[in-house]
Amino acid sequence: MAEVEATQAAQVDVSKTNSVPGEGYDKKCIFCKIVNNEMSTELLHSDDEVSCFRDIKPGAPHHYLVVPTKHVGNCKSLTKEHVPLVKQLVETGKEILQKNNITDLTDVRFGFHWPPFCSVTHLHLHVLAPASQMGFTSRLFYRLNSYWFITADQLIELLSTKGETN
């Protein structure tokens, strides 16, 4: 019995999301509702860790949102421990692009809006392709080196040097 409890505790400790019982789902969060099939949104990918669906206001011919399946806050709430999750979001985004015949990954934008410039607090990676076909407004919303948008690579580097605390 003690072995089972120790194993369960270890599983909770390595979780990428908040480990408090009942956490991992925010009933007010639209993305939590989407990944739990409470909305009519088509899931392009869904597993225990990450889910993917189309953005309702696409900024490019291919605009996908890749999210943790369990509720995780925005970029500012992340720690060094979240680096593998962010990398997994990017890899899932690449897989979805490849399934949709996008093979030129040099013309793709992977990134996050930096708070307070995000409309949904559930962590979500924007995957936009081809970036060269983004319109004027989209180029502003998803602008590189801006105060409101950070690339996945920039976030990974920031988290890697951040340490274990916020």
Protein backbone atom coordinates (compact mmCIF):
# COMPACT_ATOMS: atom_id res chain seq x y z
CA MET A 1 0.00 0.00 0.00
CA ALA A 2 2.80 2.43 0.87
CA GLU A 3 4.48 1.61 -2.46
CA VAL A 4 1.32 2.54 -4.35
CA GLU A 5 0.99 5.84 -2.46
CA ALA A 6 4.65 6.67 -3.10
CA THR A 7 4.24 5.96 -6.81
CA GLN A 8 1.14 8.13 -7.03
CA ALA A 9 2.87 10.98 -5.21
CA ALA A 10 5.82 10.78 -7.60
CA GLN A 11 3.44 10.96 -10.60
CA VAL A 12 1.83 14.10 -9.20
CA ASP A 13 5.23 15.73 -8.51
CA VAL A 14 6.38 15.42 -12.12
CA SER A 15 3.13 16.78 -13.55
CA LYS A 16 3.48 19.73 -15.91
CA THR A 17 0.24 21.22 -14.58
CA ASN A 18 -0.96 22.27 -11.17
CA SER A 19 -1.05 19.14 -9.01
CA VAL A 20 -3.88 20.18 -6.67
CA PRO A 21 -6.81 17.73 -6.93
CA GLY A 22 -9.53 19.08 -9.19
CA GLU A 23 -7.06 21.27 -11.05
CA GLY A 24 -6.27 20.81 -14.70
CA TYR A 25 -9.72 21.97 -15.79
CA ASP A 26 -11.07 25.49 -15.55
CA LYS A 27 -14.82 25.46 -16.20
CA LYS A 28 -14.69 29.10 -17.34
CA CYS A 29 -11.86 28.48 -19.82
CA ILE A 30 -12.91 28.16 -23.45
CA PHE A 31 -9.84 26.07 -24.31
CA CYS A 32 -10.55 23.63 -21.46
CA LYS A 33 -14.05 23.22 -22.87
CA ILE A 34 -12.68 22.66 -26.38
CA VAL A 35 -10.18 19.96 -25.37
CA ASN A 36 -12.88 18.24 -23.33
CA ASN A 37 -15.21 18.12 -26.36
CA GLU A 38 -17.74 20.46 -24.75
CA MET A 39 -17.65 22.67 -27.85
CA SER A 40 -18.19 21.79 -31.50
CA THR A 41 -14.56 22.66 -32.36
CA GLU A 42 -12.76 19.98 -34.36
CA LEU A 43 -9.70 18.64 -32.56
CA LEU A 44 -6.90 17.99 -35.03
CA HIS A 45 -4.85 16.29 -32.32
CA SER A 46 -5.64 15.25 -28.78
CA ASP A 47 -3.79 13.16 -26.22
CA ASP A 48 -3.19 13.25 -22.47
CA GLU A 49 -0.60 16.03 -22.80
CA VAL A 50 -1.50 18.33 -25.71
CA SER A 51 -4.37 19.14 -28.05
CA CYS A 52 -4.58 21.13 -31.28
CA PHE A 53 -7.36 22.94 -33.12
CA ARG A 54 -7.76 25.71 -35.70
CA ASP A 55 -7.76 29.35 -34.60
CA ILE A 56 -11.22 30.91 -35.09
CA LYS A 57 -9.61 34.09 -36.48
CA PRO A 58 -6.82 32.72 -38.67
CA GLY A 59 -3.86 35.01 -39.26
CA ALA A 60 -2.42 32.80 -42.00
CA PRO A 61 -3.72 30.07 -44.36
CA HIS A 62 -2.74 27.55 -41.67
CA HIS A 63 -3.27 28.89 -38.15
CA TYR A 64 -3.45 26.34 -35.37
CA LEU A 65 -3.50 26.58 -31.60
CA VAL A 66 -1.63 23.90 -29.69
CA VAL A 67 -2.55 23.80 -26.01
CA PRO A 68 -1.82 21.66 -22.96
CA THR A 69 -4.77 19.31 -22.54
CA LYS A 70 -4.86 20.24 -18.85
CA HIS A 71 -5.19 23.89 -17.91
CA VAL A 72 -1.85 25.69 -17.63
CA GLY A 73 -1.68 29.45 -17.17
CA ASN A 74 -0.09 31.93 -19.55
CA CYS A 75 3.61 32.33 -20.40
CA LYS A 76 4.39 34.40 -17.31
CA SER A 77 3.22 31.61 -15.00
CA LEU A 78 5.67 29.06 -16.43
CA THR A 79 8.88 27.83 -14.80
CA LYS A 80 11.94 25.95 -15.98
CA GLU A 81 10.01 22.73 -15.38
CA HIS A 82 7.65 23.67 -18.24
CA VAL A 83 10.38 23.63 -20.94
CA PRO A 84 9.55 20.03 -22.01
CA LEU A 85 5.86 20.99 -22.30
CA VAL A 86 6.66 24.01 -24.50
CA LYS A 87 8.89 21.82 -26.68
CA GLN A 88 6.09 19.26 -26.94
CA LEU A 89 3.65 21.99 -28.05
CA VAL A 90 6.10 22.98 -30.82
CA GLU A 91 6.65 19.37 -31.94
CA THR A 92 2.90 18.78 -32.10
CA GLY A 93 2.52 21.97 -34.15
CA LYS A 94 5.17 20.71 -36.59
CA GLU A 95 3.38 17.36 -36.89
CA ILE A 96 0.07 19.08 -37.68
CA LEU A 97 1.77 21.23 -40.33
CA GLN A 98 3.35 18.17 -41.93
CA LYS A 99 -0.04 16.40 -41.99
CA ASN A 100 -1.32 19.44 -43.87
CA ASN A 101 1.55 19.32 -46.41
CA ILE A 102 3.48 22.26 -44.96
CA THR A 103 7.09 21.15 -45.25
CA ASP A 104 8.92 24.51 -45.34
CA LEU A 105 9.36 25.12 -41.62
CA THR A 106 11.47 28.22 -42.34
CA ASP A 107 8.25 30.05 -43.31
CA VAL A 108 6.39 29.22 -40.08
CA ARG A 109 5.84 31.29 -36.96
CA PHE A 110 5.60 29.50 -33.60
CA GLY A 111 4.84 31.75 -30.66
CA PHE A 112 2.82 33.00 -27.72
CA HIS A 113 1.21 36.30 -26.84
CA TRP A 114 2.85 37.83 -23.78
CA PRO A 115 0.50 38.93 -20.99
CA PRO A 116 -1.46 41.11 -20.82
CA PHE A 117 -1.79 40.72 -24.61
CA CYS A 118 -3.50 37.33 -24.57
CA SER A 119 -7.26 36.92 -24.66
CA VAL A 120 -7.32 33.42 -23.12
CA THR A 121 -5.20 32.61 -20.06
CA HIS A 122 -4.84 28.93 -21.01
CA LEU A 123 -1.33 28.54 -22.47
CA HIS A 124 -1.57 28.30 -26.25
CA LEU A 125 1.03 28.15 -28.99
CA HIS A 126 0.15 29.92 -32.22
CA VAL A 127 1.33 28.00 -35.29
CA LEU A 128 1.08 30.16 -38.41
CA ALA A 129 2.06 29.08 -41.92
CA PRO A 130 3.13 30.25 -44.33
CA ALA A 131 4.22 33.33 -42.38
CA SER A 132 5.00 35.07 -45.67
CA GLN A 133 1.26 35.04 -46.47
CA MET A 134 0.15 36.74 -43.26
CA GLY A 135 -1.82 39.93 -43.80
CA PHE A 136 -0.90 43.35 -42.41
CA THR A 137 -2.92 43.01 -39.20
CA SER A 138 -1.60 39.50 -38.55
CA ARG A 139 1.96 40.69 -39.05
CA LEU A 140 1.30 43.18 -36.25
CA PHE A 141 -0.46 40.72 -33.90
CA TYR A 142 2.23 38.07 -34.35
CA ARG A 143 5.18 40.43 -34.74
CA LEU A 144 8.63 39.15 -33.92
CA ASN A 145 10.64 41.08 -31.31
CA SER A 146 7.58 42.91 -30.00
CA TYR A 147 6.33 43.52 -26.46
CA TRP A 148 3.25 41.38 -27.07
CA PHE A 149 4.50 38.28 -28.91
CA ILE A 150 7.32 35.89 -28.02
CA THR A 151 8.54 33.03 -30.19
CA ALA A 152 8.61 29.51 -28.82
CA ASP A 153 12.43 29.53 -28.99
CA GLN A 154 12.58 32.79 -27.03
CA LEU A 155 10.23 31.40 -24.38
CA ILE A 156 12.27 28.19 -24.05
CA GLU A 157 15.46 30.22 -23.62
CA LEU A 158 13.80 32.51 -21.08
CA LEU A 159 12.48 29.57 -19.06
CA SER A 160 15.79 27.71 -19.24
CA THR A 161 17.56 30.63 -17.56
CA LYS A 162 14.68 31.49 -15.22
CA GLY A 163 15.33 28.85 -12.59
CA GLU A 164 12.72 27.04 -10.56
CA THR A 165 10.74 30.08 -9.43
CA ASN A 166 8.56 32.63 -11.17
